[in-house]
């Protein structure tokens, strides 16, 4: 089989799996329906993905790379504006995978490999937030405060992206929250 048609069939299978898992859920979607939707023989699904959970793991790899260069978002001396820029850039990247992201967070409860992959992504976002805060105002805040703030913001972003962003009534902006977080960091450690 030529490499281009192999890649095309694999991508069609992944696209069909993503659509069907989103519609009916992982457990309620047989591989025969995935093959039918992708327009390929059922055996080809098993050729590329030995087990059905392998499809979920491959879908994790389709999530966009959420990493953003720190120097692109940091405003020297301004944690709030730096965080606004970072969140805006992350939102743009993560918007490209809203259905896929929601689907994977839903399936993470029953598929450890998906949960592990999503945890790695979450940890990268925490590290990126921490890096932006420290670069914006080096040495002005306690390490423990930066770590806590980075974890809280990453948690809010993850929640927003996996759940709230799919609710038409949910507010998308985080300006007030980011300003509050930056103000708390600037105020110094709480005793």
C-alpha atoms as a PDB file:
ATOM      1  CA  UNK A   1       0.000   0.000   0.000  1.00  0.00           C
ATOM      2  CA  UNK A   2       1.443   3.453  -0.835  1.00  0.00           C
ATOM      3  CA  UNK A   3       2.349   5.492   2.226  1.00  0.00           C
ATOM      4  CA  UNK A   4      -0.003   8.367   1.314  1.00  0.00           C
ATOM      5  CA  UNK A   5      -3.090   6.099   1.125  1.00  0.00           C
ATOM      6  CA  UNK A   6      -2.055   4.366   4.372  1.00  0.00           C
ATOM      7  CA  UNK A   7      -1.886   7.719   6.151  1.00  0.00           C
ATOM      8  CA  UNK A   8      -5.157   8.775   4.596  1.00  0.00           C
ATOM      9  CA  UNK A   9      -6.936   5.608   5.773  1.00  0.00           C
ATOM     10  CA  UNK A  10      -5.458   5.929   9.283  1.00  0.00           C
ATOM     11  CA  UNK A  11      -6.549   9.565   9.497  1.00  0.00           C
ATOM     12  CA  UNK A  12     -10.045   8.705   8.239  1.00  0.00           C
ATOM     13  CA  UNK A  13     -10.286   6.008  10.909  1.00  0.00           C
ATOM     14  CA  UNK A  14      -9.206   8.444  13.626  1.00  0.00           C
ATOM     15  CA  UNK A  15     -11.605  11.100  12.357  1.00  0.00           C
ATOM     16  CA  UNK A  16     -14.482   8.620  12.333  1.00  0.00           C
ATOM     17  CA  UNK A  17     -13.568   7.348  15.812  1.00  0.00           C
ATOM     18  CA  UNK A  18     -13.459  10.897  17.173  1.00  0.00           C
ATOM     19  CA  UNK A  19     -16.891  11.709  15.714  1.00  0.00           C
ATOM     20  CA  UNK A  20     -18.521   8.478  16.846  1.00  0.00           C
ATOM     21  CA  UNK A  21     -16.984   8.494  20.327  1.00  0.00           C
ATOM     22  CA  UNK A  22     -18.221  12.061  20.736  1.00  0.00           C
ATOM     23  CA  UNK A  23     -21.710  11.098  19.555  1.00  0.00           C
ATOM     24  CA  UNK A  24     -22.217   7.802  21.367  1.00  0.00           C
ATOM     25  CA  UNK A  25     -19.269   7.342  23.715  1.00  0.00           C
ATOM     26  CA  UNK A  26     -16.341   4.965  23.533  1.00  0.00           C
ATOM     27  CA  UNK A  27     -18.037   1.865  24.942  1.00  0.00           C
ATOM     28  CA  UNK A  28     -21.137   2.225  22.756  1.00  0.00           C
ATOM     29  CA  UNK A  29     -19.154   2.524  19.506  1.00  0.00           C
ATOM     30  CA  UNK A  30     -18.190  -0.747  17.815  1.00  0.00           C
ATOM     31  CA  UNK A  31     -15.169  -0.805  15.527  1.00  0.00           C
ATOM     32  CA  UNK A  32     -17.459  -1.903  12.687  1.00  0.00           C
ATOM     33  CA  UNK A  33     -19.222   1.498  12.851  1.00  0.00           C
ATOM     34  CA  UNK A  34     -15.849   3.258  12.853  1.00  0.00           C
ATOM     35  CA  UNK A  35     -14.818   1.309   9.743  1.00  0.00           C
ATOM     36  CA  UNK A  36     -18.138   2.063   8.063  1.00  0.00           C
ATOM     37  CA  UNK A  37     -17.898   5.803   8.826  1.00  0.00           C
ATOM     38  CA  UNK A  38     -14.258   5.889   7.643  1.00  0.00           C
ATOM     39  CA  UNK A  39     -15.090   3.978   4.470  1.00  0.00           C
ATOM     40  CA  UNK A  40     -12.543   1.227   5.143  1.00  0.00           C
ATOM     41  CA  UNK A  41     -12.746  -2.516   5.802  1.00  0.00           C
ATOM     42  CA  UNK A  42     -13.064  -3.428   9.501  1.00  0.00           C
ATOM     43  CA  UNK A  43      -9.782  -5.352   9.299  1.00  0.00           C
ATOM     44  CA  UNK A  44      -7.977  -2.133   8.436  1.00  0.00           C
ATOM     45  CA  UNK A  45      -9.103  -0.588  11.730  1.00  0.00           C
ATOM     46  CA  UNK A  46      -7.494  -3.517  13.557  1.00  0.00           C
ATOM     47  CA  UNK A  47      -4.418  -3.319  11.329  1.00  0.00           C
ATOM     48  CA  UNK A  48      -3.703   0.230  12.537  1.00  0.00           C
ATOM     49  CA  UNK A  49      -5.114  -0.136  16.050  1.00  0.00           C
ATOM     50  CA  UNK A  50      -4.708  -3.573  17.604  1.00  0.00           C
ATOM     51  CA  UNK A  51      -7.139  -2.791  20.433  1.00  0.00           C
ATOM     52  CA  UNK A  52      -9.978  -0.318  20.556  1.00  0.00           C
ATOM     53  CA  UNK A  53      -8.313   1.642  23.438  1.00  0.00           C
ATOM     54  CA  UNK A  54      -5.378   2.233  21.061  1.00  0.00           C
ATOM     55  CA  UNK A  55      -7.729   4.535  19.157  1.00  0.00           C
ATOM     56  CA  UNK A  56      -8.135   6.710  22.258  1.00  0.00           C
ATOM     57  CA  UNK A  57      -4.385   6.866  22.763  1.00  0.00           C
ATOM     58  CA  UNK A  58      -3.918   7.912  19.132  1.00  0.00           C
ATOM     59  CA  UNK A  59      -6.580  10.592  19.581  1.00  0.00           C
ATOM     60  CA  UNK A  60      -4.570  12.052  22.483  1.00  0.00           C
ATOM     61  CA  UNK A  61      -1.697  12.512  20.050  1.00  0.00           C
ATOM     62  CA  UNK A  62      -4.017  14.545  17.779  1.00  0.00           C
ATOM     63  CA  UNK A  63      -4.468  17.224  20.428  1.00  0.00           C
ATOM     64  CA  UNK A  64      -2.656  20.390  19.376  1.00  0.00           C
ATOM     65  CA  UNK A  65       0.684  21.192  20.946  1.00  0.00           C
ATOM     66  CA  UNK A  66      -0.239  23.675  23.685  1.00  0.00           C
ATOM     67  CA  UNK A  67       3.297  24.937  24.295  1.00  0.00           C
ATOM     68  CA  UNK A  68       3.839  28.649  23.761  1.00  0.00           C
ATOM     69  CA  UNK A  69       7.211  30.372  23.776  1.00  0.00           C
ATOM     70  CA  UNK A  70       7.489  32.357  27.017  1.00  0.00           C
ATOM     71  CA  UNK A  71       9.093  35.333  25.275  1.00  0.00           C
ATOM     72  CA  UNK A  72       6.005  35.674  23.043  1.00  0.00           C
ATOM     73  CA  UNK A  73       3.685  36.427  25.958  1.00  0.00           C
ATOM     74  CA  UNK A  74       5.763  37.945  28.753  1.00  0.00           C
ATOM     75  CA  UNK A  75       5.434  41.658  29.440  1.00  0.00           C
ATOM     76  CA  UNK A  76       8.311  42.583  31.730  1.00  0.00           C
ATOM     77  CA  UNK A  77       7.056  43.745  35.115  1.00  0.00           C
ATOM     78  CA  UNK A  78       3.399  42.856  34.403  1.00  0.00           C
ATOM     79  CA  UNK A  79       2.219  39.433  35.586  1.00  0.00           C
ATOM     80  CA  UNK A  80      -1.448  40.189  34.797  1.00  0.00           C
ATOM     81  CA  UNK A  81      -0.846  41.143  31.161  1.00  0.00           C
ATOM     82  CA  UNK A  82       1.582  38.252  30.712  1.00  0.00           C
ATOM     83  CA  UNK A  83      -1.067  35.815  32.013  1.00  0.00           C
ATOM     84  CA  UNK A  84      -3.760  37.393  29.805  1.00  0.00           C
ATOM     85  CA  UNK A  85      -1.568  36.887  26.752  1.00  0.00           C
ATOM     86  CA  UNK A  86      -0.734  33.311  27.743  1.00  0.00           C
ATOM     87  CA  UNK A  87      -4.377  32.385  28.367  1.00  0.00           C
ATOM     88  CA  UNK A  88      -5.457  33.994  25.067  1.00  0.00           C
ATOM     89  CA  UNK A  89      -2.811  32.012  23.163  1.00  0.00           C
ATOM     90  CA  UNK A  90      -3.703  28.778  24.986  1.00  0.00           C
ATOM     91  CA  UNK A  91      -7.391  29.335  24.251  1.00  0.00           C
ATOM     92  CA  UNK A  92      -6.645  29.738  20.534  1.00  0.00           C
ATOM     93  CA  UNK A  93      -4.623  26.531  20.478  1.00  0.00           C
ATOM     94  CA  UNK A  94      -7.053  24.543  22.591  1.00  0.00           C
ATOM     95  CA  UNK A  95     -10.117  25.776  20.668  1.00  0.00           C
ATOM     96  CA  UNK A  96      -8.911  23.729  17.703  1.00  0.00           C
ATOM     97  CA  UNK A  97      -9.678  20.557  19.662  1.00  0.00           C
ATOM     98  CA  UNK A  98     -12.735  21.382  21.763  1.00  0.00           C
ATOM     99  CA  UNK A  99     -14.713  18.228  20.921  1.00  0.00           C
ATOM    100  CA  UNK A 100     -11.665  15.978  21.054  1.00  0.00           C
ATOM    101  CA  UNK A 101     -10.503  17.430  24.355  1.00  0.00           C
ATOM    102  CA  UNK A 102     -13.948  17.056  25.925  1.00  0.00           C
ATOM    103  CA  UNK A 103     -14.192  13.483  24.660  1.00  0.00           C
ATOM    104  CA  UNK A 104     -10.791  12.537  26.077  1.00  0.00           C
ATOM    105  CA  UNK A 105     -11.480  14.088  29.490  1.00  0.00           C
ATOM    106  CA  UNK A 106     -14.720  12.114  29.612  1.00  0.00           C
ATOM    107  CA  UNK A 107     -12.960   8.853  28.721  1.00  0.00           C
ATOM    108  CA  UNK A 108     -10.031   9.463  31.107  1.00  0.00           C
ATOM    109  CA  UNK A 109     -12.071   8.061  34.002  1.00  0.00           C
ATOM    110  CA  UNK A 110     -12.056   4.568  32.538  1.00  0.00           C
ATOM    111  CA  UNK A 111      -8.893   4.530  30.418  1.00  0.00           C
ATOM    112  CA  UNK A 112      -5.652   4.966  32.410  1.00  0.00           C
ATOM    113  CA  UNK A 113      -3.497   5.639  29.337  1.00  0.00           C
ATOM    114  CA  UNK A 114      -5.709   8.588  28.381  1.00  0.00           C
ATOM    115  CA  UNK A 115      -5.666   9.910  31.944  1.00  0.00           C
ATOM    116  CA  UNK A 116      -1.879   9.638  32.050  1.00  0.00           C
ATOM    117  CA  UNK A 117      -1.474  11.489  28.741  1.00  0.00           C
ATOM    118  CA  UNK A 118      -3.835  14.249  29.853  1.00  0.00           C
ATOM    119  CA  UNK A 119      -1.985  14.543  33.168  1.00  0.00           C
ATOM    120  CA  UNK A 120       1.297  15.033  31.309  1.00  0.00           C
ATOM    121  CA  UNK A 121      -0.331  17.827  29.271  1.00  0.00           C
ATOM    122  CA  UNK A 122      -1.724  19.400  32.460  1.00  0.00           C
ATOM    123  CA  UNK A 123       1.717  19.320  34.105  1.00  0.00           C
ATOM    124  CA  UNK A 124       3.198  21.052  31.038  1.00  0.00           C
ATOM    125  CA  UNK A 125       0.592  23.821  31.305  1.00  0.00           C
ATOM    126  CA  UNK A 126       1.377  24.279  35.027  1.00  0.00           C
ATOM    127  CA  UNK A 127       5.083  24.547  34.205  1.00  0.00           C
ATOM    128  CA  UNK A 128       4.395  27.006  31.395  1.00  0.00           C
ATOM    129  CA  UNK A 129       2.259  29.248  33.616  1.00  0.00           C
ATOM    130  CA  UNK A 130       4.944  29.157  36.328  1.00  0.00           C
ATOM    131  CA  UNK A 131       7.616  30.068  33.773  1.00  0.00           C
ATOM    132  CA  UNK A 132       5.594  33.052  32.490  1.00  0.00           C
ATOM    133  CA  UNK A 133       4.969  34.396  36.011  1.00  0.00           C
ATOM    134  CA  UNK A 134       8.620  34.133  36.996  1.00  0.00           C
ATOM    135  CA  UNK A 135       9.789  35.688  33.714  1.00  0.00           C
ATOM    136  CA  UNK A 136       7.331  38.591  34.052  1.00  0.00           C
ATOM    137  CA  UNK A 137       8.599  39.649  37.482  1.00  0.00           C
ATOM    138  CA  UNK A 138      11.713  37.657  38.443  1.00  0.00           C
ATOM    139  CA  UNK A 139      12.215  37.192  42.165  1.00  0.00           C
ATOM    140  CA  UNK A 140       9.251  39.304  43.261  1.00  0.00           C
ATOM    141  CA  UNK A 141       7.104  36.488  44.599  1.00  0.00           C
ATOM    142  CA  UNK A 142       7.607  33.461  46.795  1.00  0.00           C
ATOM    143  CA  UNK A 143       8.228  30.166  44.995  1.00  0.00           C
ATOM    144  CA  UNK A 144       5.397  28.463  46.902  1.00  0.00           C
ATOM    145  CA  UNK A 145       2.976  31.220  45.865  1.00  0.00           C
ATOM    146  CA  UNK A 146       4.009  30.910  42.212  1.00  0.00           C
ATOM    147  CA  UNK A 147       3.604  27.130  42.343  1.00  0.00           C
ATOM    148  CA  UNK A 148       0.154  27.425  43.940  1.00  0.00           C
ATOM    149  CA  UNK A 149      -0.972  30.129  41.513  1.00  0.00           C
ATOM    150  CA  UNK A 150       0.254  28.139  38.502  1.00  0.00           C
ATOM    151  CA  UNK A 151      -1.580  25.022  39.654  1.00  0.00           C
ATOM    152  CA  UNK A 152      -4.801  26.959  40.345  1.00  0.00           C
ATOM    153  CA  UNK A 153      -4.740  28.695  36.976  1.00  0.00           C
ATOM    154  CA  UNK A 154      -3.968  25.462  35.113  1.00  0.00           C
ATOM    155  CA  UNK A 155      -6.869  23.796  36.944  1.00  0.00           C
ATOM    156  CA  UNK A 156      -9.234  26.610  35.963  1.00  0.00           C
ATOM    157  CA  UNK A 157      -8.075  26.462  32.341  1.00  0.00           C
ATOM    158  CA  UNK A 158      -8.457  22.693  32.211  1.00  0.00           C
ATOM    159  CA  UNK A 159     -11.934  22.850  33.692  1.00  0.00           C
ATOM    160  CA  UNK A 160     -12.920  25.646  31.351  1.00  0.00           C
ATOM    161  CA  UNK A 161     -11.598  23.809  28.335  1.00  0.00           C
ATOM    162  CA  UNK A 162     -12.935  20.363  29.165  1.00  0.00           C
ATOM    163  CA  UNK A 163     -16.353  21.324  30.507  1.00  0.00           C
ATOM    164  CA  UNK A 164     -17.415  24.931  30.758  1.00  0.00           C
ATOM    165  CA  UNK A 165     -16.268  25.994  27.280  1.00  0.00           C
ATOM    166  CA  UNK A 166     -18.826  23.593  25.807  1.00  0.00           C
ATOM    167  CA  UNK A 167     -21.660  25.271  27.676  1.00  0.00           C
ATOM    168  CA  UNK A 168     -23.044  28.148  25.593  1.00  0.00           C
ATOM    169  CA  UNK A 169     -24.072  29.986  28.772  1.00  0.00           C
ATOM    170  CA  UNK A 170     -20.640  29.776  30.437  1.00  0.00           C
ATOM    171  CA  UNK A 171     -18.583  32.992  30.430  1.00  0.00           C
ATOM    172  CA  UNK A 172     -15.371  32.527  28.443  1.00  0.00           C
ATOM    173  CA  UNK A 173     -13.315  35.419  29.760  1.00  0.00           C
ATOM    174  CA  UNK A 174     -10.968  35.095  32.697  1.00  0.00           C
ATOM    175  CA  UNK A 175      -9.869  38.728  32.959  1.00  0.00           C
ATOM    176  CA  UNK A 176     -11.152  39.227  36.511  1.00  0.00           C
ATOM    177  CA  UNK A 177      -9.669  35.946  37.702  1.00  0.00           C
ATOM    178  CA  UNK A 178      -6.279  36.671  36.126  1.00  0.00           C
ATOM    179  CA  UNK A 179      -6.205  40.199  37.560  1.00  0.00           C
ATOM    180  CA  UNK A 180      -7.093  38.815  40.999  1.00  0.00           C
ATOM    181  CA  UNK A 181      -4.357  36.195  40.782  1.00  0.00           C
ATOM    182  CA  UNK A 182      -1.755  38.722  39.644  1.00  0.00           C
ATOM    183  CA  UNK A 183      -2.815  41.128  42.411  1.00  0.00           C
ATOM    184  CA  UNK A 184      -2.501  38.406  45.035  1.00  0.00           C
ATOM    185  CA  UNK A 185       0.999  37.519  43.814  1.00  0.00           C
ATOM    186  CA  UNK A 186       2.037  41.175  43.801  1.00  0.00           C
ATOM    187  CA  UNK A 187       0.748  41.649  47.363  1.00  0.00           C
ATOM    188  CA  UNK A 188       3.296  39.156  48.617  1.00  0.00           C
ATOM    189  CA  UNK A 189       3.077  36.084  50.828  1.00  0.00           C
ATOM    190  CA  UNK A 190       0.134  35.671  53.133  1.00  0.00           C
ATOM    191  CA  UNK A 191       1.129  35.172  56.752  1.00  0.00           C
END
